[in-house]
Amino acid sequence: MKNIKILMSRCGCNIAFAESVEKIVKESGLEASVSRIDDVVQMLPYNVMTLPALVVDERLVSTGKISEDKIKELIKGEI
C-alpha cells in the first residue's frame, strides 16, 4: 500500500486539488492511503514553498496546481 500526502492550505483551489487526487486514486482502484496535511509544522520536512504539493511514499513529486492528467501521470508513475 502506498502512502499519499496532499500538502495544502484550506483555500478552495487546494481543496479542489485534494478532491481530484482522492478521486483519481479511488477510480484507479489503487491500494493507497491518502491524507490531507494542512499543518505547517508537518509540512516543514518537505521544504515546500508552493501549495498544494503531492508526496508519495515520503517523496515530493509535485508542487503548485497541476492538471488532473498530470496528477494521473504522477500517481501512475509512482504507484
PDB file of N, CA and C in Angstrom:
ATOM      1  N   MET A   1       0.833  -1.177   0.000  1.00  0.00           N
ATOM      2  CA  MET A   1       0.000   0.000   0.000  1.00  0.00           C
ATOM      3  C   MET A   1       0.883   1.248   0.000  1.00  0.00           C
ATOM      4  N   LYS A   2       0.534   2.184  -0.864  1.00  0.00           N
ATOM      5  CA  LYS A   2       1.264   3.436  -0.968  1.00  0.00           C
ATOM      6  C   LYS A   2       0.673   4.476  -0.018  1.00  0.00           C
ATOM      7  N   ASN A   3       1.501   5.408   0.366  1.00  0.00           N
ATOM      8  CA  ASN A   3       1.086   6.486   1.248  1.00  0.00           C
ATOM      9  C   ASN A   3       1.176   7.797   0.466  1.00  0.00           C
ATOM     10  N   ILE A   4       0.039   8.418   0.245  1.00  0.00           N
ATOM     11  CA  ILE A   4      -0.014   9.674  -0.500  1.00  0.00           C
ATOM     12  C   ILE A   4      -0.433  10.780   0.451  1.00  0.00           C
ATOM     13  N   LYS A   5       0.338  11.868   0.441  1.00  0.00           N
ATOM     14  CA  LYS A   5       0.019  13.028   1.268  1.00  0.00           C
ATOM     15  C   LYS A   5      -0.200  14.225   0.358  1.00  0.00           C
ATOM     16  N   ILE A   6      -1.234  14.971   0.677  1.00  0.00           N
ATOM     17  CA  ILE A   6      -1.518  16.209  -0.038  1.00  0.00           C
ATOM     18  C   ILE A   6      -1.231  17.344   0.939  1.00  0.00           C
ATOM     19  N   LEU A   7      -0.184  18.094   0.666  1.00  0.00           N
ATOM     20  CA  LEU A   7       0.160  19.238   1.497  1.00  0.00           C
ATOM     21  C   LEU A   7      -0.618  20.426   0.954  1.00  0.00           C
ATOM     22  N   MET A   8      -1.403  21.068   1.820  1.00  0.00           N
ATOM     23  CA  MET A   8      -2.343  22.058   1.308  1.00  0.00           C
ATOM     24  C   MET A   8      -2.715  23.110   2.343  1.00  0.00           C
ATOM     25  N   SER A   9      -3.269  24.201   1.843  1.00  0.00           N
ATOM     26  CA  SER A   9      -3.914  25.188   2.692  1.00  0.00           C
ATOM     27  C   SER A   9      -5.413  24.907   2.606  1.00  0.00           C
ATOM     28  N   ARG A  10      -6.185  25.704   3.282  1.00  0.00           N
ATOM     29  CA  ARG A  10      -7.634  25.479   3.273  1.00  0.00           C
ATOM     30  C   ARG A  10      -8.361  26.338   2.239  1.00  0.00           C
ATOM     31  N   CYS A  11      -7.651  26.816   1.244  1.00  0.00           N
ATOM     32  CA  CYS A  11      -8.305  27.619   0.206  1.00  0.00           C
ATOM     33  C   CYS A  11      -9.007  26.701  -0.800  1.00  0.00           C
ATOM     34  N   GLY A  12      -9.905  27.268  -1.541  1.00  0.00           N
ATOM     35  CA  GLY A  12     -10.717  26.500  -2.479  1.00  0.00           C
ATOM     36  C   GLY A  12      -9.933  25.731  -3.519  1.00  0.00           C
ATOM     37  N   CYS A  13      -8.885  26.338  -4.082  1.00  0.00           N
ATOM     38  CA  CYS A  13      -8.133  25.642  -5.134  1.00  0.00           C
ATOM     39  C   CYS A  13      -7.352  24.457  -4.555  1.00  0.00           C
ATOM     40  N   ASN A  14      -6.867  24.573  -3.329  1.00  0.00           N
ATOM     41  CA  ASN A  14      -6.156  23.458  -2.698  1.00  0.00           C
ATOM     42  C   ASN A  14      -7.115  22.338  -2.339  1.00  0.00           C
ATOM     43  N   ILE A  15      -8.309  22.692  -1.899  1.00  0.00           N
ATOM     44  CA  ILE A  15      -9.319  21.680  -1.583  1.00  0.00           C
ATOM     45  C   ILE A  15      -9.735  20.945  -2.855  1.00  0.00           C
ATOM     46  N   ALA A  16      -9.913  21.669  -3.955  1.00  0.00           N
ATOM     47  CA  ALA A  16     -10.262  21.044  -5.236  1.00  0.00           C
ATOM     48  C   ALA A  16      -9.156  20.101  -5.696  1.00  0.00           C
ATOM     49  N   PHE A  17      -7.895  20.499  -5.504  1.00  0.00           N
ATOM     50  CA  PHE A  17      -6.764  19.646  -5.862  1.00  0.00           C
ATOM     51  C   PHE A  17      -6.814  18.345  -5.054  1.00  0.00           C
ATOM     52  N   ALA A  18      -7.044  18.460  -3.748  1.00  0.00           N
ATOM     53  CA  ALA A  18      -7.114  17.277  -2.884  1.00  0.00           C
ATOM     54  C   ALA A  18      -8.244  16.349  -3.320  1.00  0.00           C
ATOM     55  N   GLU A  19      -9.388  16.932  -3.646  1.00  0.00           N
ATOM     56  CA  GLU A  19     -10.515  16.121  -4.103  1.00  0.00           C
ATOM     57  C   GLU A  19     -10.185  15.409  -5.412  1.00  0.00           C
ATOM     58  N   SER A  20      -9.457  16.065  -6.299  1.00  0.00           N
ATOM     59  CA  SER A  20      -9.054  15.437  -7.564  1.00  0.00           C
ATOM     60  C   SER A  20      -8.125  14.259  -7.315  1.00  0.00           C
ATOM     61  N   VAL A  21      -7.154  14.437  -6.441  1.00  0.00           N
ATOM     62  CA  VAL A  21      -6.224  13.345  -6.118  1.00  0.00           C
ATOM     63  C   VAL A  21      -6.990  12.164  -5.541  1.00  0.00           C
ATOM     64  N   GLU A  22      -7.869  12.428  -4.580  1.00  0.00           N
ATOM     65  CA  GLU A  22      -8.642  11.353  -3.949  1.00  0.00           C
ATOM     66  C   GLU A  22      -9.511  10.634  -4.971  1.00  0.00           C
ATOM     67  N   LYS A  23     -10.136  11.385  -5.882  1.00  0.00           N
ATOM     68  CA  LYS A  23     -10.983  10.789  -6.924  1.00  0.00           C
ATOM     69  C   LYS A  23     -10.157   9.904  -7.858  1.00  0.00           C
ATOM     70  N   ILE A  24      -9.004  10.395  -8.258  1.00  0.00           N
ATOM     71  CA  ILE A  24      -8.145   9.640  -9.177  1.00  0.00           C
ATOM     72  C   ILE A  24      -7.672   8.343  -8.529  1.00  0.00           C
ATOM     73  N   VAL A  25      -7.277   8.395  -7.276  1.00  0.00           N
ATOM     74  CA  VAL A  25      -6.834   7.188  -6.580  1.00  0.00           C
ATOM     75  C   VAL A  25      -7.983   6.191  -6.487  1.00  0.00           C
ATOM     76  N   LYS A  26      -9.173   6.671  -6.130  1.00  0.00           N
ATOM     77  CA  LYS A  26     -10.335   5.793  -5.999  1.00  0.00           C
ATOM     78  C   LYS A  26     -10.716   5.164  -7.338  1.00  0.00           C
ATOM     79  N   GLU A  27     -10.766   5.985  -8.383  1.00  0.00           N
ATOM     80  CA  GLU A  27     -11.155   5.487  -9.705  1.00  0.00           C
ATOM     81  C   GLU A  27     -10.127   4.514 -10.278  1.00  0.00           C
ATOM     82  N   SER A  28      -8.873   4.690  -9.891  1.00  0.00           N
ATOM     83  CA  SER A  28      -7.804   3.821 -10.397  1.00  0.00           C
ATOM     84  C   SER A  28      -7.799   2.471  -9.698  1.00  0.00           C
ATOM     85  N   GLY A  29      -8.494   2.379  -8.574  1.00  0.00           N
ATOM     86  CA  GLY A  29      -8.519   1.126  -7.824  1.00  0.00           C
ATOM     87  C   GLY A  29      -7.192   0.804  -7.150  1.00  0.00           C
ATOM     88  N   LEU A  30      -6.376   1.821  -6.917  1.00  0.00           N
ATOM     89  CA  LEU A  30      -5.066   1.612  -6.306  1.00  0.00           C
ATOM     90  C   LEU A  30      -5.182   1.428  -4.804  1.00  0.00           C
ATOM     91  N   GLU A  31      -4.320   0.605  -4.268  1.00  0.00           N
ATOM     92  CA  GLU A  31      -4.250   0.455  -2.821  1.00  0.00           C
ATOM     93  C   GLU A  31      -3.343   1.549  -2.289  1.00  0.00           C
ATOM     94  N   ALA A  32      -3.974   2.587  -1.745  1.00  0.00           N
ATOM     95  CA  ALA A  32      -3.202   3.714  -1.247  1.00  0.00           C
ATOM     96  C   ALA A  32      -3.985   4.423  -0.159  1.00  0.00           C
ATOM     97  N   SER A  33      -3.262   4.911   0.827  1.00  0.00           N
ATOM     98  CA  SER A  33      -3.897   5.770   1.819  1.00  0.00           C
ATOM     99  C   SER A  33      -3.598   7.207   1.409  1.00  0.00           C
ATOM    100  N   VAL A  34      -4.616   8.039   1.451  1.00  0.00           N
ATOM    101  CA  VAL A  34      -4.474   9.432   1.059  1.00  0.00           C
ATOM    102  C   VAL A  34      -4.808  10.298   2.265  1.00  0.00           C
ATOM    103  N   SER A  35      -3.900  11.197   2.605  1.00  0.00           N
ATOM    104  CA  SER A  35      -4.164  12.095   3.728  1.00  0.00           C
ATOM    105  C   SER A  35      -3.909  13.534   3.319  1.00  0.00           C
ATOM    106  N   ARG A  36      -4.686  14.415   3.924  1.00  0.00           N
ATOM    107  CA  ARG A  36      -4.534  15.848   3.693  1.00  0.00           C
ATOM    108  C   ARG A  36      -3.743  16.431   4.868  1.00  0.00           C
ATOM    109  N   ILE A  37      -2.709  17.167   4.573  1.00  0.00           N
ATOM    110  CA  ILE A  37      -1.886  17.804   5.597  1.00  0.00           C
ATOM    111  C   ILE A  37      -2.020  19.314   5.427  1.00  0.00           C
ATOM    112  N   ASP A  38      -2.599  19.971   6.437  1.00  0.00           N
ATOM    113  CA  ASP A  38      -2.709  21.425   6.371  1.00  0.00           C
ATOM    114  C   ASP A  38      -2.007  22.111   7.546  1.00  0.00           C
ATOM    115  N   ASP A  39      -1.228  21.354   8.272  1.00  0.00           N
ATOM    116  CA  ASP A  39      -0.454  21.882   9.398  1.00  0.00           C
ATOM    117  C   ASP A  39       0.954  22.230   8.910  1.00  0.00           C
ATOM    118  N   VAL A  40       1.306  23.502   9.011  1.00  0.00           N
ATOM    119  CA  VAL A  40       2.597  23.976   8.509  1.00  0.00           C
ATOM    120  C   VAL A  40       3.761  23.228   9.155  1.00  0.00           C
ATOM    121  N   VAL A  41       3.662  22.915  10.411  1.00  0.00           N
ATOM    122  CA  VAL A  41       4.744  22.211  11.110  1.00  0.00           C
ATOM    123  C   VAL A  41       4.983  20.836  10.480  1.00  0.00           C
ATOM    124  N   GLN A  42       3.917  20.154  10.090  1.00  0.00           N
ATOM    125  CA  GLN A  42       4.059  18.842   9.454  1.00  0.00           C
ATOM    126  C   GLN A  42       4.602  18.959   8.032  1.00  0.00           C
ATOM    127  N   MET A  43       4.461  20.132   7.412  1.00  0.00           N
ATOM    128  CA  MET A  43       4.959  20.348   6.056  1.00  0.00           C
ATOM    129  C   MET A  43       6.450  20.687   6.027  1.00  0.00           C
ATOM    130  N   LEU A  44       6.989  21.182   7.116  1.00  0.00           N
ATOM    131  CA  LEU A  44       8.372  21.647   7.152  1.00  0.00           C
ATOM    132  C   LEU A  44       9.403  20.648   6.628  1.00  0.00           C
ATOM    133  N   PRO A  45       9.315  19.362   6.971  1.00  0.00           N
ATOM    134  CA  PRO A  45      10.330  18.424   6.484  1.00  0.00           C
ATOM    135  C   PRO A  45      10.401  18.306   4.955  1.00  0.00           C
ATOM    136  N   TYR A  46       9.340  18.705   4.269  1.00  0.00           N
ATOM    137  CA  TYR A  46       9.302  18.571   2.813  1.00  0.00           C
ATOM    138  C   TYR A  46       9.869  19.798   2.094  1.00  0.00           C
ATOM    139  N   ASN A  47      10.189  20.852   2.841  1.00  0.00           N
ATOM    140  CA  ASN A  47      10.801  22.060   2.267  1.00  0.00           C
ATOM    141  C   ASN A  47       9.961  22.644   1.134  1.00  0.00           C
ATOM    142  N   VAL A  48       8.664  22.684   1.307  1.00  0.00           N
ATOM    143  CA  VAL A  48       7.739  23.135   0.272  1.00  0.00           C
ATOM    144  C   VAL A  48       7.468  24.625   0.431  1.00  0.00           C
ATOM    145  N   MET A  49       7.584  25.363  -0.672  1.00  0.00           N
ATOM    146  CA  MET A  49       7.296  26.792  -0.664  1.00  0.00           C
ATOM    147  C   MET A  49       6.005  27.106  -1.426  1.00  0.00           C
ATOM    148  N   THR A  50       5.499  26.147  -2.201  1.00  0.00           N
ATOM    149  CA  THR A  50       4.305  26.344  -3.010  1.00  0.00           C
ATOM    150  C   THR A  50       3.308  25.231  -2.729  1.00  0.00           C
ATOM    151  N   LEU A  51       2.051  25.611  -2.507  1.00  0.00           N
ATOM    152  CA  LEU A  51       0.992  24.640  -2.268  1.00  0.00           C
ATOM    153  C   LEU A  51      -0.006  24.701  -3.412  1.00  0.00           C
ATOM    154  N   PRO A  52      -0.723  23.629  -3.657  1.00  0.00           N
ATOM    155  CA  PRO A  52      -0.641  22.331  -2.996  1.00  0.00           C
ATOM    156  C   PRO A  52       0.598  21.567  -3.446  1.00  0.00           C
ATOM    157  N   ALA A  53       0.929  20.553  -2.674  1.00  0.00           N
ATOM    158  CA  ALA A  53       2.063  19.698  -3.017  1.00  0.00           C
ATOM    159  C   ALA A  53       1.628  18.245  -2.847  1.00  0.00           C
ATOM    160  N   LEU A  54       2.231  17.380  -3.629  1.00  0.00           N
ATOM    161  CA  LEU A  54       1.892  15.964  -3.610  1.00  0.00           C
ATOM    162  C   LEU A  54       3.119  15.165  -3.202  1.00  0.00           C
ATOM    163  N   VAL A  55       2.944  14.324  -2.175  1.00  0.00           N
ATOM    164  CA  VAL A  55       4.030  13.493  -1.656  1.00  0.00           C
ATOM    165  C   VAL A  55       3.590  12.038  -1.756  1.00  0.00           C
ATOM    166  N   VAL A  56       4.416  11.205  -2.375  1.00  0.00           N
ATOM    167  CA  VAL A  56       4.125   9.775  -2.490  1.00  0.00           C
ATOM    168  C   VAL A  56       5.256   9.015  -1.810  1.00  0.00           C
ATOM    169  N   ASP A  57       4.900   8.225  -0.802  1.00  0.00           N
ATOM    170  CA  ASP A  57       5.886   7.463  -0.030  1.00  0.00           C
ATOM    171  C   ASP A  57       7.066   8.330   0.405  1.00  0.00           C
ATOM    172  N   GLU A  58       6.720   9.472   0.978  1.00  0.00           N
ATOM    173  CA  GLU A  58       7.696  10.420   1.530  1.00  0.00           C
ATOM    174  C   GLU A  58       8.580  11.082   0.479  1.00  0.00           C
ATOM    175  N   ARG A  59       8.200  10.994  -0.773  1.00  0.00           N
ATOM    176  CA  ARG A  59       8.945  11.656  -1.853  1.00  0.00           C
ATOM    177  C   ARG A  59       8.066  12.741  -2.461  1.00  0.00           C
ATOM    178  N   LEU A  60       8.542  13.980  -2.449  1.00  0.00           N
ATOM    179  CA  LEU A  60       7.819  15.093  -3.040  1.00  0.00           C
ATOM    180  C   LEU A  60       7.821  14.926  -4.558  1.00  0.00           C
ATOM    181  N   VAL A  61       6.621  14.842  -5.165  1.00  0.00           N
ATOM    182  CA  VAL A  61       6.545  14.629  -6.612  1.00  0.00           C
ATOM    183  C   VAL A  61       6.006  15.832  -7.374  1.00  0.00           C
ATOM    184  N   SER A  62       5.335  16.772  -6.683  1.00  0.00           N
ATOM    185  CA  SER A  62       4.883  17.982  -7.373  1.00  0.00           C
ATOM    186  C   SER A  62       4.560  19.081  -6.375  1.00  0.00           C
ATOM    187  N   THR A  63       4.675  20.308  -6.868  1.00  0.00           N
ATOM    188  CA  THR A  63       4.238  21.472  -6.100  1.00  0.00           C
ATOM    189  C   THR A  63       3.461  22.389  -7.025  1.00  0.00           C
ATOM    190  N   GLY A  64       2.534  23.112  -6.462  1.00  0.00           N
ATOM    191  CA  GLY A  64       1.701  24.006  -7.254  1.00  0.00           C
ATOM    192  C   GLY A  64       0.544  23.265  -7.894  1.00  0.00           C
ATOM    193  N   LYS A  65      -0.407  24.023  -8.389  1.00  0.00           N
ATOM    194  CA  LYS A  65      -1.591  23.429  -9.006  1.00  0.00           C
ATOM    195  C   LYS A  65      -1.211  22.792 -10.334  1.00  0.00           C
ATOM    196  N   ILE A  66      -1.656  21.555 -10.528  1.00  0.00           N
ATOM    197  CA  ILE A  66      -1.413  20.836 -11.779  1.00  0.00           C
ATOM    198  C   ILE A  66      -2.727  20.226 -12.272  1.00  0.00           C
ATOM    199  N   SER A  67      -2.767  19.873 -13.526  1.00  0.00           N
ATOM    200  CA  SER A  67      -3.990  19.318 -14.120  1.00  0.00           C
ATOM    201  C   SER A  67      -4.252  17.897 -13.627  1.00  0.00           C
ATOM    202  N   GLU A  68      -5.494  17.460 -13.811  1.00  0.00           N
ATOM    203  CA  GLU A  68      -5.842  16.086 -13.444  1.00  0.00           C
ATOM    204  C   GLU A  68      -5.038  15.084 -14.258  1.00  0.00           C
ATOM    205  N   ASP A  69      -4.764  15.392 -15.506  1.00  0.00           N
ATOM    206  CA  ASP A  69      -3.955  14.493 -16.337  1.00  0.00           C
ATOM    207  C   ASP A  69      -2.553  14.335 -15.754  1.00  0.00           C
ATOM    208  N   LYS A  70      -1.983  15.433 -15.298  1.00  0.00           N
ATOM    209  CA  LYS A  70      -0.644  15.384 -14.698  1.00  0.00           C
ATOM    210  C   LYS A  70      -0.686  14.622 -13.383  1.00  0.00           C
ATOM    211  N   ILE A  71      -1.754  14.799 -12.602  1.00  0.00           N
ATOM    212  CA  ILE A  71      -1.904  14.047 -11.347  1.00  0.00           C
ATOM    213  C   ILE A  71      -1.924  12.559 -11.651  1.00  0.00           C
ATOM    214  N   LYS A  72      -2.727  12.165 -12.641  1.00  0.00           N
ATOM    215  CA  LYS A  72      -2.813  10.756 -13.031  1.00  0.00           C
ATOM    216  C   LYS A  72      -1.440  10.230 -13.447  1.00  0.00           C
ATOM    217  N   GLU A  73      -0.742  11.007 -14.237  1.00  0.00           N
ATOM    218  CA  GLU A  73       0.589  10.617 -14.705  1.00  0.00           C
ATOM    219  C   GLU A  73       1.541  10.413 -13.536  1.00  0.00           C
ATOM    220  N   LEU A  74       1.527  11.344 -12.591  1.00  0.00           N
ATOM    221  CA  LEU A  74       2.420  11.231 -11.431  1.00  0.00           C
ATOM    222  C   LEU A  74       2.061  10.043 -10.541  1.00  0.00           C
ATOM    223  N   ILE A  75       0.768   9.862 -10.310  1.00  0.00           N
ATOM    224  CA  ILE A  75       0.356   8.753  -9.446  1.00  0.00           C
ATOM    225  C   ILE A  75       0.672   7.407 -10.113  1.00  0.00           C
ATOM    226  N   LYS A  76       0.368   7.291 -11.396  1.00  0.00           N
ATOM    227  CA  LYS A  76       0.668   6.035 -12.092  1.00  0.00           C
ATOM    228  C   LYS A  76       2.165   5.784 -12.176  1.00  0.00           C
ATOM    229  N   GLY A  77       2.918   6.845 -12.292  1.00  0.00           N
ATOM    230  CA  GLY A  77       4.373   6.713 -12.344  1.00  0.00           C
ATOM    231  C   GLY A  77       4.976   6.341 -10.998  1.00  0.00           C
ATOM    232  N   GLU A  78       4.313   6.727  -9.926  1.00  0.00           N
ATOM    233  CA  GLU A  78       4.839   6.493  -8.586  1.00  0.00           C
ATOM    234  C   GLU A  78       4.260   5.241  -7.937  1.00  0.00           C
ATOM    235  N   ILE A  79       3.089   4.821  -8.384  1.00  0.00           N
ATOM    236  CA  ILE A  79       2.441   3.699  -7.698  1.00  0.00           C
ATOM    237  C   ILE A  79       2.501   2.460  -8.570  1.00  0.00           C
TER     238      ILE A  79
END
